[in-house]
Amino acid sequence: DWCGPCRMVGPVVEEIANEYPEYKICKINVDEQPELA
């Protein structure tokens, strides 16, 4: 949440999720999920 470039990518990722149902779009917060990161 604190990452500036991440906040720039966020709306783009949302757009792709809404416009391209053939793909699954997922987000992982590195602060909340350090093991996955």
Full PDB file with SEQRES, HELIX, SHEET, SSBOND, CRYST1, ORIGX, SCALE, CONECT and MASTER records, all heavy atoms in Angstrom:
SEQRES   1 A   37  ASP TRP CYS GLY PRO CYS ARG MET VAL GLY PRO VAL VAL          
SEQRES   2 A   37  GLU GLU ILE ALA ASN GLU TYR PRO GLU TYR LYS ILE CYS          
SEQRES   3 A   37  LYS ILE ASN VAL ASP GLU GLN PRO GLU LEU ALA                  
HELIX    1 AA1 GLY A    4  GLU A   19  1                                  16    
SSBOND   1 CYS A    3    CYS A    6                          1555   1555  2.44  
CRYST1    1.000    1.000    1.000  90.00  90.00  90.00 P 1           1          
ORIGX1      1.000000  0.000000  0.000000        0.00000                         
ORIGX2      0.000000  1.000000  0.000000        0.00000                         
ORIGX3      0.000000  0.000000  1.000000        0.00000                         
SCALE1      1.000000  0.000000  0.000000        0.00000                         
SCALE2      0.000000  1.000000  0.000000        0.00000                         
SCALE3      0.000000  0.000000  1.000000        0.00000                         
ATOM      1  N   ASP A   1       0.813  -1.222   0.000  1.00  0.00           N  
ATOM      2  CA  ASP A   1       0.000   0.000   0.000  1.00  0.00           C  
ATOM      3  C   ASP A   1       0.844   1.270   0.000  1.00  0.00           C  
ATOM      4  O   ASP A   1       0.431   2.282  -0.539  1.00  0.00           O  
ATOM      5  CB  ASP A   1      -0.941   0.010   1.211  1.00  0.00           C  
ATOM      6  CG  ASP A   1      -1.997  -1.087   1.110  1.00  0.00           C  
ATOM      7  OD1 ASP A   1      -2.376  -1.462  -0.018  1.00  0.00           O  
ATOM      8  OD2 ASP A   1      -2.429  -1.570   2.173  1.00  0.00           O  
ATOM      9  N   TRP A   2       2.038   1.217   0.578  1.00  0.00           N  
ATOM     10  CA  TRP A   2       2.886   2.402   0.702  1.00  0.00           C  
ATOM     11  C   TRP A   2       3.741   2.666  -0.541  1.00  0.00           C  
ATOM     12  O   TRP A   2       4.438   3.665  -0.636  1.00  0.00           O  
ATOM     13  CB  TRP A   2       3.801   2.261   1.922  1.00  0.00           C  
ATOM     14  CG  TRP A   2       4.519   0.942   1.978  1.00  0.00           C  
ATOM     15  CD1 TRP A   2       4.142  -0.165   2.690  1.00  0.00           C  
ATOM     16  CD2 TRP A   2       5.704   0.562   1.267  1.00  0.00           C  
ATOM     17  NE1 TRP A   2       5.017  -1.199   2.476  1.00  0.00           N  
ATOM     18  CE2 TRP A   2       6.001  -0.786   1.600  1.00  0.00           C  
ATOM     19  CE3 TRP A   2       6.563   1.212   0.384  1.00  0.00           C  
ATOM     20  CZ2 TRP A   2       7.093  -1.469   1.086  1.00  0.00           C  
ATOM     21  CZ3 TRP A   2       7.648   0.521  -0.126  1.00  0.00           C  
ATOM     22  CH2 TRP A   2       7.903  -0.798   0.225  1.00  0.00           C  
ATOM     23  N   CYS A   3       3.708   1.772  -1.508  1.00  0.00           N  
ATOM     24  CA  CYS A   3       4.587   1.831  -2.692  1.00  0.00           C  
ATOM     25  C   CYS A   3       3.965   2.699  -3.789  1.00  0.00           C  
ATOM     26  O   CYS A   3       2.898   2.373  -4.317  1.00  0.00           O  
ATOM     27  CB  CYS A   3       4.804   0.396  -3.176  1.00  0.00           C  
ATOM     28  SG  CYS A   3       5.484   0.229  -4.816  1.00  0.00           S  
ATOM     29  N   GLY A   4       4.646   3.793  -4.140  1.00  0.00           N  
ATOM     30  CA  GLY A   4       4.156   4.707  -5.174  1.00  0.00           C  
ATOM     31  C   GLY A   4       3.951   4.037  -6.526  1.00  0.00           C  
ATOM     32  O   GLY A   4       2.863   4.132  -7.113  1.00  0.00           O  
ATOM     33  N   PRO A   5       4.968   3.360  -7.078  1.00  0.00           N  
ATOM     34  CA  PRO A   5       4.778   2.687  -8.365  1.00  0.00           C  
ATOM     35  C   PRO A   5       3.662   1.632  -8.326  1.00  0.00           C  
ATOM     36  O   PRO A   5       2.949   1.444  -9.304  1.00  0.00           O  
ATOM     37  CB  PRO A   5       6.141   2.043  -8.640  1.00  0.00           C  
ATOM     38  CG  PRO A   5       7.117   2.907  -7.898  1.00  0.00           C  
ATOM     39  CD  PRO A   5       6.381   3.339  -6.654  1.00  0.00           C  
ATOM     40  N   CYS A   6       3.491   0.984  -7.166  1.00  0.00           N  
ATOM     41  CA  CYS A   6       2.414  -0.001  -7.023  1.00  0.00           C  
ATOM     42  C   CYS A   6       1.049   0.684  -7.162  1.00  0.00           C  
ATOM     43  O   CYS A   6       0.128   0.132  -7.772  1.00  0.00           O  
ATOM     44  CB  CYS A   6       2.478  -0.693  -5.665  1.00  0.00           C  
ATOM     45  SG  CYS A   6       3.991  -1.616  -5.370  1.00  0.00           S  
ATOM     46  N   ARG A   7       0.941   1.883  -6.597  1.00  0.00           N  
ATOM     47  CA  ARG A   7      -0.324   2.618  -6.691  1.00  0.00           C  
ATOM     48  C   ARG A   7      -0.599   3.054  -8.129  1.00  0.00           C  
ATOM     49  O   ARG A   7      -1.751   3.226  -8.512  1.00  0.00           O  
ATOM     50  CB  ARG A   7      -0.316   3.813  -5.743  1.00  0.00           C  
ATOM     51  CG  ARG A   7      -0.444   3.393  -4.281  1.00  0.00           C  
ATOM     52  CD  ARG A   7      -0.851   4.532  -3.371  1.00  0.00           C  
ATOM     53  NE  ARG A   7       0.091   5.636  -3.365  1.00  0.00           N  
ATOM     54  CZ  ARG A   7       1.077   5.787  -2.493  1.00  0.00           C  
ATOM     55  NH1 ARG A   7       1.269   4.886  -1.558  1.00  0.00           N  
ATOM     56  NH2 ARG A   7       1.865   6.825  -2.557  1.00  0.00           N  
ATOM     57  N   MET A   8       0.451   3.228  -8.927  1.00  0.00           N  
ATOM     58  CA  MET A   8       0.265   3.561 -10.338  1.00  0.00           C  
ATOM     59  C   MET A   8      -0.219   2.336 -11.121  1.00  0.00           C  
ATOM     60  O   MET A   8      -1.040   2.460 -12.019  1.00  0.00           O  
ATOM     61  CB  MET A   8       1.582   4.069 -10.952  1.00  0.00           C  
ATOM     62  CG  MET A   8       1.988   5.434 -10.439  1.00  0.00           C  
ATOM     63  SD  MET A   8       3.670   5.955 -10.883  1.00  0.00           S  
ATOM     64  CE  MET A   8       3.971   5.264 -12.462  1.00  0.00           C  
ATOM     65  N   VAL A   9       0.282   1.164 -10.781  1.00  0.00           N  
ATOM     66  CA  VAL A   9      -0.073  -0.072 -11.485  1.00  0.00           C  
ATOM     67  C   VAL A   9      -1.468  -0.553 -11.076  1.00  0.00           C  
ATOM     68  O   VAL A   9      -2.182  -1.146 -11.884  1.00  0.00           O  
ATOM     69  CB  VAL A   9       0.981  -1.172 -11.217  1.00  0.00           C  
ATOM     70  CG1 VAL A   9       0.530  -2.523 -11.737  1.00  0.00           C  
ATOM     71  CG2 VAL A   9       2.309  -0.787 -11.838  1.00  0.00           C  
ATOM     72  N   GLY A  10      -1.874  -0.282  -9.847  1.00  0.00           N  
ATOM     73  CA  GLY A  10      -3.147  -0.781  -9.322  1.00  0.00           C  
ATOM     74  C   GLY A  10      -4.349  -0.561 -10.233  1.00  0.00           C  
ATOM     75  O   GLY A  10      -5.061  -1.519 -10.567  1.00  0.00           O  
ATOM     76  N   PRO A  11      -4.603   0.689 -10.666  1.00  0.00           N  
ATOM     77  CA  PRO A  11      -5.763   0.925 -11.541  1.00  0.00           C  
ATOM     78  C   PRO A  11      -5.652   0.207 -12.891  1.00  0.00           C  
ATOM     79  O   PRO A  11      -6.665  -0.218 -13.451  1.00  0.00           O  
ATOM     80  CB  PRO A  11      -5.765   2.444 -11.736  1.00  0.00           C  
ATOM     81  CG  PRO A  11      -4.969   2.992 -10.600  1.00  0.00           C  
ATOM     82  CD  PRO A  11      -3.971   1.935 -10.242  1.00  0.00           C  
ATOM     83  N   VAL A  12      -4.452   0.057 -13.393  1.00  0.00           N  
ATOM     84  CA  VAL A  12      -4.235  -0.643 -14.663  1.00  0.00           C  
ATOM     85  C   VAL A  12      -4.598  -2.121 -14.501  1.00  0.00           C  
ATOM     86  O   VAL A  12      -5.272  -2.714 -15.356  1.00  0.00           O  
ATOM     87  CB  VAL A  12      -2.766  -0.482 -15.128  1.00  0.00           C  
ATOM     88  CG1 VAL A  12      -2.492  -1.302 -16.375  1.00  0.00           C  
ATOM     89  CG2 VAL A  12      -2.438   0.982 -15.362  1.00  0.00           C  
ATOM     90  N   VAL A  13      -4.175  -2.709 -13.392  1.00  0.00           N  
ATOM     91  CA  VAL A  13      -4.485  -4.109 -13.097  1.00  0.00           C  
ATOM     92  C   VAL A  13      -6.004  -4.282 -12.972  1.00  0.00           C  
ATOM     93  O   VAL A  13      -6.574  -5.243 -13.492  1.00  0.00           O  
ATOM     94  CB  VAL A  13      -3.732  -4.559 -11.825  1.00  0.00           C  
ATOM     95  CG1 VAL A  13      -4.216  -5.905 -11.336  1.00  0.00           C  
ATOM     96  CG2 VAL A  13      -2.232  -4.589 -12.088  1.00  0.00           C  
ATOM     97  N   GLU A  14      -6.665  -3.332 -12.318  1.00  0.00           N  
ATOM     98  CA  GLU A  14      -8.133  -3.372 -12.179  1.00  0.00           C  
ATOM     99  C   GLU A  14      -8.804  -3.331 -13.553  1.00  0.00           C  
ATOM    100  O   GLU A  14      -9.754  -4.079 -13.808  1.00  0.00           O  
ATOM    101  CB  GLU A  14      -8.627  -2.181 -11.342  1.00  0.00           C  
ATOM    102  CG  GLU A  14      -8.221  -2.217  -9.894  1.00  0.00           C  
ATOM    103  CD  GLU A  14      -9.136  -3.064  -9.029  1.00  0.00           C  
ATOM    104  OE1 GLU A  14     -10.233  -3.438  -9.489  1.00  0.00           O  
ATOM    105  OE2 GLU A  14      -8.739  -3.358  -7.894  1.00  0.00           O  
ATOM    106  N   GLU A  15      -8.330  -2.443 -14.429  1.00  0.00           N  
ATOM    107  CA  GLU A  15      -8.892  -2.332 -15.779  1.00  0.00           C  
ATOM    108  C   GLU A  15      -8.789  -3.656 -16.525  1.00  0.00           C  
ATOM    109  O   GLU A  15      -9.746  -4.104 -17.160  1.00  0.00           O  
ATOM    110  CB  GLU A  15      -8.131  -1.275 -16.595  1.00  0.00           C  
ATOM    111  CG  GLU A  15      -8.634   0.126 -16.450  1.00  0.00           C  
ATOM    112  CD  GLU A  15      -7.859   1.084 -17.350  1.00  0.00           C  
ATOM    113  OE1 GLU A  15      -7.606   0.746 -18.532  1.00  0.00           O  
ATOM    114  OE2 GLU A  15      -7.511   2.166 -16.859  1.00  0.00           O  
ATOM    115  N   ILE A  16      -7.615  -4.270 -16.465  1.00  0.00           N  
ATOM    116  CA  ILE A  16      -7.416  -5.543 -17.163  1.00  0.00           C  
ATOM    117  C   ILE A  16      -8.362  -6.599 -16.597  1.00  0.00           C  
ATOM    118  O   ILE A  16      -8.973  -7.361 -17.351  1.00  0.00           O  
ATOM    119  CB  ILE A  16      -5.939  -5.990 -17.078  1.00  0.00           C  
ATOM    120  CG1 ILE A  16      -5.060  -5.024 -17.894  1.00  0.00           C  
ATOM    121  CG2 ILE A  16      -5.776  -7.424 -17.585  1.00  0.00           C  
ATOM    122  CD1 ILE A  16      -3.568  -5.224 -17.716  1.00  0.00           C  
ATOM    123  N   ALA A  17      -8.520  -6.624 -15.288  1.00  0.00           N  
ATOM    124  CA  ALA A  17      -9.429  -7.596 -14.652  1.00  0.00           C  
ATOM    125  C   ALA A  17     -10.857  -7.416 -15.152  1.00  0.00           C  
ATOM    126  O   ALA A  17     -11.566  -8.400 -15.396  1.00  0.00           O  
ATOM    127  CB  ALA A  17      -9.370  -7.455 -13.134  1.00  0.00           C  
ATOM    128  N   ASN A  18     -11.283  -6.167 -15.319  1.00  0.00           N  
ATOM    129  CA  ASN A  18     -12.652  -5.886 -15.746  1.00  0.00           C  
ATOM    130  C   ASN A  18     -12.864  -6.109 -17.243  1.00  0.00           C  
ATOM    131  O   ASN A  18     -13.965  -6.455 -17.662  1.00  0.00           O  
ATOM    132  CB  ASN A  18     -13.039  -4.455 -15.373  1.00  0.00           C  
ATOM    133  CG  ASN A  18     -13.154  -4.278 -13.878  1.00  0.00           C  
ATOM    134  OD1 ASN A  18     -13.532  -5.189 -13.156  1.00  0.00           O  
ATOM    135  ND2 ASN A  18     -12.819  -3.097 -13.398  1.00  0.00           N  
ATOM    136  N   GLU A  19     -11.822  -5.909 -18.050  1.00  0.00           N  
ATOM    137  CA  GLU A  19     -11.974  -5.947 -19.504  1.00  0.00           C  
ATOM    138  C   GLU A  19     -11.583  -7.278 -20.140  1.00  0.00           C  
ATOM    139  O   GLU A  19     -11.937  -7.541 -21.287  1.00  0.00           O  
ATOM    140  CB  GLU A  19     -11.136  -4.829 -20.139  1.00  0.00           C  
ATOM    141  CG  GLU A  19     -11.623  -3.443 -19.771  1.00  0.00           C  
ATOM    142  CD  GLU A  19     -10.681  -2.342 -20.243  1.00  0.00           C  
ATOM    143  OE1 GLU A  19      -9.797  -2.609 -21.084  1.00  0.00           O  
ATOM    144  OE2 GLU A  19     -10.838  -1.196 -19.762  1.00  0.00           O  
ATOM    145  N   TYR A  20     -10.831  -8.107 -19.437  1.00  0.00           N  
ATOM    146  CA  TYR A  20     -10.322  -9.358 -20.021  1.00  0.00           C  
ATOM    147  C   TYR A  20     -10.645 -10.546 -19.118  1.00  0.00           C  
ATOM    148  O   TYR A  20      -9.785 -11.036 -18.387  1.00  0.00           O  
ATOM    149  CB  TYR A  20      -8.801  -9.252 -20.246  1.00  0.00           C  
ATOM    150  CG  TYR A  20      -8.435  -8.207 -21.268  1.00  0.00           C  
ATOM    151  CD1 TYR A  20      -8.234  -6.884 -20.888  1.00  0.00           C  
ATOM    152  CD2 TYR A  20      -8.303  -8.548 -22.617  1.00  0.00           C  
ATOM    153  CE1 TYR A  20      -7.916  -5.917 -21.830  1.00  0.00           C  
ATOM    154  CE2 TYR A  20      -7.974  -7.583 -23.561  1.00  0.00           C  
ATOM    155  CZ  TYR A  20      -7.788  -6.273 -23.161  1.00  0.00           C  
ATOM    156  OH  TYR A  20      -7.470  -5.318 -24.094  1.00  0.00           O  
ATOM    157  N   PRO A  21     -11.885 -11.048 -19.202  1.00  0.00           N  
ATOM    158  CA  PRO A  21     -12.283 -12.155 -18.326  1.00  0.00           C  
ATOM    159  C   PRO A  21     -11.551 -13.465 -18.621  1.00  0.00           C  
ATOM    160  O   PRO A  21     -11.618 -14.402 -17.823  1.00  0.00           O  
ATOM    161  CB  PRO A  21     -13.786 -12.291 -18.589  1.00  0.00           C  
ATOM    162  CG  PRO A  21     -13.992 -11.683 -19.939  1.00  0.00           C  
ATOM    163  CD  PRO A  21     -12.960 -10.603 -20.076  1.00  0.00           C  
ATOM    164  N   GLU A  22     -10.844 -13.528 -19.740  1.00  0.00           N  
ATOM    165  CA  GLU A  22     -10.116 -14.756 -20.051  1.00  0.00           C  
ATOM    166  C   GLU A  22      -8.877 -14.933 -19.178  1.00  0.00           C  
ATOM    167  O   GLU A  22      -8.257 -15.997 -19.179  1.00  0.00           O  
ATOM    168  CB  GLU A  22      -9.725 -14.808 -21.541  1.00  0.00           C  
ATOM    169  CG  GLU A  22      -8.766 -13.726 -21.993  1.00  0.00           C  
ATOM    170  CD  GLU A  22      -9.428 -12.461 -22.552  1.00  0.00           C  
ATOM    171  OE1 GLU A  22     -10.529 -12.111 -22.083  1.00  0.00           O  
ATOM    172  OE2 GLU A  22      -8.835 -11.837 -23.434  1.00  0.00           O  
ATOM    173  N   TYR A  23      -8.501 -13.881 -18.441  1.00  0.00           N  
ATOM    174  CA  TYR A  23      -7.363 -13.951 -17.526  1.00  0.00           C  
ATOM    175  C   TYR A  23      -7.855 -13.821 -16.090  1.00  0.00           C  
ATOM    176  O   TYR A  23      -8.870 -13.184 -15.821  1.00  0.00           O  
ATOM    177  CB  TYR A  23      -6.366 -12.820 -17.793  1.00  0.00           C  
ATOM    178  CG  TYR A  23      -5.843 -12.781 -19.203  1.00  0.00           C  
ATOM    179  CD1 TYR A  23      -6.022 -11.657 -19.998  1.00  0.00           C  
ATOM    180  CD2 TYR A  23      -5.165 -13.866 -19.755  1.00  0.00           C  
ATOM    181  CE1 TYR A  23      -5.552 -11.614 -21.302  1.00  0.00           C  
ATOM    182  CE2 TYR A  23      -4.689 -13.835 -21.055  1.00  0.00           C  
ATOM    183  CZ  TYR A  23      -4.885 -12.704 -21.825  1.00  0.00           C  
ATOM    184  OH  TYR A  23      -4.420 -12.664 -23.112  1.00  0.00           O  
ATOM    185  N   LYS A  24      -7.108 -14.401 -15.169  1.00  0.00           N  
ATOM    186  CA  LYS A  24      -7.384 -14.211 -13.748  1.00  0.00           C  
ATOM    187  C   LYS A  24      -6.337 -13.233 -13.228  1.00  0.00           C  
ATOM    188  O   LYS A  24      -5.143 -13.410 -13.452  1.00  0.00           O  
ATOM    189  CB  LYS A  24      -7.274 -15.539 -13.007  1.00  0.00           C  
ATOM    190  CG  LYS A  24      -7.680 -15.430 -11.544  1.00  0.00           C  
ATOM    191  CD  LYS A  24      -7.588 -16.766 -10.847  1.00  0.00           C  
ATOM    192  CE  LYS A  24      -8.811 -17.594 -11.117  1.00  0.00           C  
ATOM    193  NZ  LYS A  24      -8.864 -18.803 -10.250  1.00  0.00           N  
ATOM    194  N   ILE A  25      -6.796 -12.182 -12.566  1.00  0.00           N  
ATOM    195  CA  ILE A  25      -5.911 -11.124 -12.085  1.00  0.00           C  
ATOM    196  C   ILE A  25      -5.905 -11.160 -10.560  1.00  0.00           C  
ATOM    197  O   ILE A  25      -6.954 -11.075  -9.925  1.00  0.00           O  
ATOM    198  CB  ILE A  25      -6.370  -9.737 -12.590  1.00  0.00           C  
ATOM    199  CG1 ILE A  25      -6.631  -9.747 -14.111  1.00  0.00           C  
ATOM    200  CG2 ILE A  25      -5.366  -8.669 -12.196  1.00  0.00           C  
ATOM    201  CD1 ILE A  25      -5.446 -10.123 -14.976  1.00  0.00           C  
ATOM    202  N   CYS A  26      -4.698 -11.275  -9.993  1.00  0.00           N  
ATOM    203  CA  CYS A  26      -4.559 -11.431  -8.549  1.00  0.00           C  
ATOM    204  C   CYS A  26      -3.541 -10.436  -7.997  1.00  0.00           C  
ATOM    205  O   CYS A  26      -2.593 -10.060  -8.689  1.00  0.00           O  
ATOM    206  CB  CYS A  26      -4.076 -12.839  -8.220  1.00  0.00           C  
ATOM    207  SG  CYS A  26      -5.159 -14.144  -8.826  1.00  0.00           S  
ATOM    208  N   LYS A  27      -3.757 -10.047  -6.752  1.00  0.00           N  
ATOM    209  CA  LYS A  27      -2.820  -9.163  -6.062  1.00  0.00           C  
ATOM    210  C   LYS A  27      -2.399  -9.809  -4.747  1.00  0.00           C  
ATOM    211  O   LYS A  27      -3.218 -10.418  -4.074  1.00  0.00           O  
ATOM    212  CB  LYS A  27      -3.474  -7.805  -5.768  1.00  0.00           C  
ATOM    213  CG  LYS A  27      -3.752  -6.998  -7.021  1.00  0.00           C  
ATOM    214  CD  LYS A  27      -4.405  -5.669  -6.698  1.00  0.00           C  
ATOM    215  CE  LYS A  27      -3.445  -4.711  -6.110  1.00  0.00           C  
ATOM    216  NZ  LYS A  27      -2.928  -3.671  -6.968  1.00  0.00           N  
ATOM    217  N   ILE A  28      -1.109  -9.646  -4.436  1.00  0.00           N  
ATOM    218  CA  ILE A  28      -0.586 -10.161  -3.173  1.00  0.00           C  
ATOM    219  C   ILE A  28       0.126  -9.022  -2.465  1.00  0.00           C  
ATOM    220  O   ILE A  28       1.088  -8.459  -2.995  1.00  0.00           O  
ATOM    221  CB  ILE A  28       0.391 -11.336  -3.396  1.00  0.00           C  
ATOM    222  CG1 ILE A  28      -0.326 -12.493  -4.094  1.00  0.00           C  
ATOM    223  CG2 ILE A  28       0.998 -11.783  -2.062  1.00  0.00           C  
ATOM    224  CD1 ILE A  28       0.567 -13.670  -4.440  1.00  0.00           C  
ATOM    225  N   ASN A  29      -0.344  -8.688  -1.276  1.00  0.00           N  
ATOM    226  CA  ASN A  29       0.279  -7.646  -0.466  1.00  0.00           C  
ATOM    227  C   ASN A  29       1.496  -8.252   0.227  1.00  0.00           C  
ATOM    228  O   ASN A  29       1.364  -9.166   1.043  1.00  0.00           O  
ATOM    229  CB  ASN A  29      -0.728  -7.106   0.549  1.00  0.00           C  
ATOM    230  CG  ASN A  29      -0.197  -5.936   1.335  1.00  0.00           C  
ATOM    231  OD1 ASN A  29       0.949  -5.931   1.780  1.00  0.00           O  
ATOM    232  ND2 ASN A  29      -1.039  -4.943   1.520  1.00  0.00           N  
ATOM    233  N   VAL A  30       2.689  -7.740  -0.113  1.00  0.00           N  
ATOM    234  CA  VAL A  30       3.927  -8.336   0.419  1.00  0.00           C  
ATOM    235  C   VAL A  30       4.054  -8.149   1.926  1.00  0.00           C  
ATOM    236  O   VAL A  30       4.706  -8.956   2.596  1.00  0.00           O  
ATOM    237  CB  VAL A  30       5.187  -7.786  -0.298  1.00  0.00           C  
ATOM    238  CG1 VAL A  30       5.167  -8.176  -1.766  1.00  0.00           C  
ATOM    239  CG2 VAL A  30       5.326  -6.286  -0.143  1.00  0.00           C  
ATOM    240  N   ASP A  31       3.443  -7.102   2.472  1.00  0.00           N  
ATOM    241  CA  ASP A  31       3.504  -6.882   3.921  1.00  0.00           C  
ATOM    242  C   ASP A  31       2.634  -7.884   4.672  1.00  0.00           C  
ATOM    243  O   ASP A  31       2.959  -8.295   5.778  1.00  0.00           O  
ATOM    244  CB  ASP A  31       3.069  -5.460   4.279  1.00  0.00           C  
ATOM    245  CG  ASP A  31       4.068  -4.414   3.800  1.00  0.00           C  
ATOM    246  OD1 ASP A  31       5.273  -4.743   3.697  1.00  0.00           O  
ATOM    247  OD2 ASP A  31       3.646  -3.286   3.512  1.00  0.00           O  
ATOM    248  N   GLU A  32       1.518  -8.286   4.056  1.00  0.00           N  
ATOM    249  CA  GLU A  32       0.597  -9.231   4.692  1.00  0.00           C  
ATOM    250  C   GLU A  32       0.934 -10.689   4.390  1.00  0.00           C  
ATOM    251  O   GLU A  32       0.542 -11.585   5.136  1.00  0.00           O  
ATOM    252  CB  GLU A  32      -0.841  -8.940   4.226  1.00  0.00           C  
ATOM    253  CG  GLU A  32      -1.345  -7.580   4.654  1.00  0.00           C  
ATOM    254  CD  GLU A  32      -2.683  -7.227   4.018  1.00  0.00           C  
ATOM    255  OE1 GLU A  32      -3.248  -8.050   3.265  1.00  0.00           O  
ATOM    256  OE2 GLU A  32      -3.164  -6.111   4.279  1.00  0.00           O  
ATOM    257  N   GLN A  33       1.648 -10.922   3.278  1.00  0.00           N  
ATOM    258  CA  GLN A  33       1.956 -12.286   2.840  1.00  0.00           C  
ATOM    259  C   GLN A  33       3.461 -12.442   2.557  1.00  0.00           C  
ATOM    260  O   GLN A  33       3.865 -12.757   1.427  1.00  0.00           O  
ATOM    261  CB  GLN A  33       1.150 -12.628   1.571  1.00  0.00           C  
ATOM    262  CG  GLN A  33      -0.342 -12.476   1.710  1.00  0.00           C  
ATOM    263  CD  GLN A  33      -0.949 -13.398   2.741  1.00  0.00           C  
ATOM    264  OE1 GLN A  33      -0.535 -14.544   2.915  1.00  0.00           O  
ATOM    265  NE2 GLN A  33      -1.935 -12.900   3.466  1.00  0.00           N  
ATOM    266  N   PRO A  34       4.300 -12.221   3.564  1.00  0.00           N  
ATOM    267  CA  PRO A  34       5.752 -12.277   3.311  1.00  0.00           C  
ATOM    268  C   PRO A  34       6.247 -13.644   2.841  1.00  0.00           C  
ATOM    269  O   PRO A  34       7.215 -13.731   2.084  1.00  0.00           O  
ATOM    270  CB  PRO A  34       6.369 -11.892   4.659  1.00  0.00           C  
ATOM    271  CG  PRO A  34       5.311 -12.167   5.672  1.00  0.00           C  
ATOM    272  CD  PRO A  34       4.002 -11.937   4.972  1.00  0.00           C  
ATOM    273  N   GLU A  35       5.562 -14.726   3.259  1.00  0.00           N  
ATOM    274  CA  GLU A  35       5.993 -16.060   2.836  1.00  0.00           C  
ATOM    275  C   GLU A  35       5.808 -16.246   1.332  1.00  0.00           C  
ATOM    276  O   GLU A  35       6.656 -16.838   0.659  1.00  0.00           O  
ATOM    277  CB  GLU A  35       5.212 -17.163   3.585  1.00  0.00           C  
ATOM    278  CG  GLU A  35       5.400 -17.140   5.083  1.00  0.00           C  
ATOM    279  CD  GLU A  35       4.361 -16.255   5.781  1.00  0.00           C  
ATOM    280  OE1 GLU A  35       3.562 -15.560   5.094  1.00  0.00           O  
ATOM    281  OE2 GLU A  35       4.347 -16.255   7.014  1.00  0.00           O  
ATOM    282  N   LEU A  36       4.686 -15.746   0.797  1.00  0.00           N  
ATOM    283  CA  LEU A  36       4.449 -15.852  -0.647  1.00  0.00           C  
ATOM    284  C   LEU A  36       5.462 -15.002  -1.410  1.00  0.00           C  
ATOM    285  O   LEU A  36       5.998 -15.440  -2.431  1.00  0.00           O  
ATOM    286  CB  LEU A  36       3.023 -15.428  -1.002  1.00  0.00           C  
ATOM    287  CG  LEU A  36       1.917 -16.405  -0.622  1.00  0.00           C  
ATOM    288  CD1 LEU A  36       0.552 -15.809  -0.934  1.00  0.00           C  
ATOM    289  CD2 LEU A  36       2.090 -17.738  -1.327  1.00  0.00           C  
ATOM    290  N   ALA A  37       5.723 -13.797  -0.909  1.00  0.00           N  
ATOM    291  CA  ALA A  37       6.715 -12.929  -1.566  1.00  0.00           C  
ATOM    292  C   ALA A  37       8.081 -13.615  -1.571  1.00  0.00           C  
ATOM    293  O   ALA A  37       8.788 -13.615  -2.590  1.00  0.00           O  
ATOM    294  CB  ALA A  37       6.786 -11.581  -0.869  1.00  0.00           C  
TER     295      ALA A  37                                                      
CONECT   28   45                                                                
CONECT   45   28                                                                
MASTER        0    0    0    1    0    0    0    6  294    1    2    3          
END                                                                             
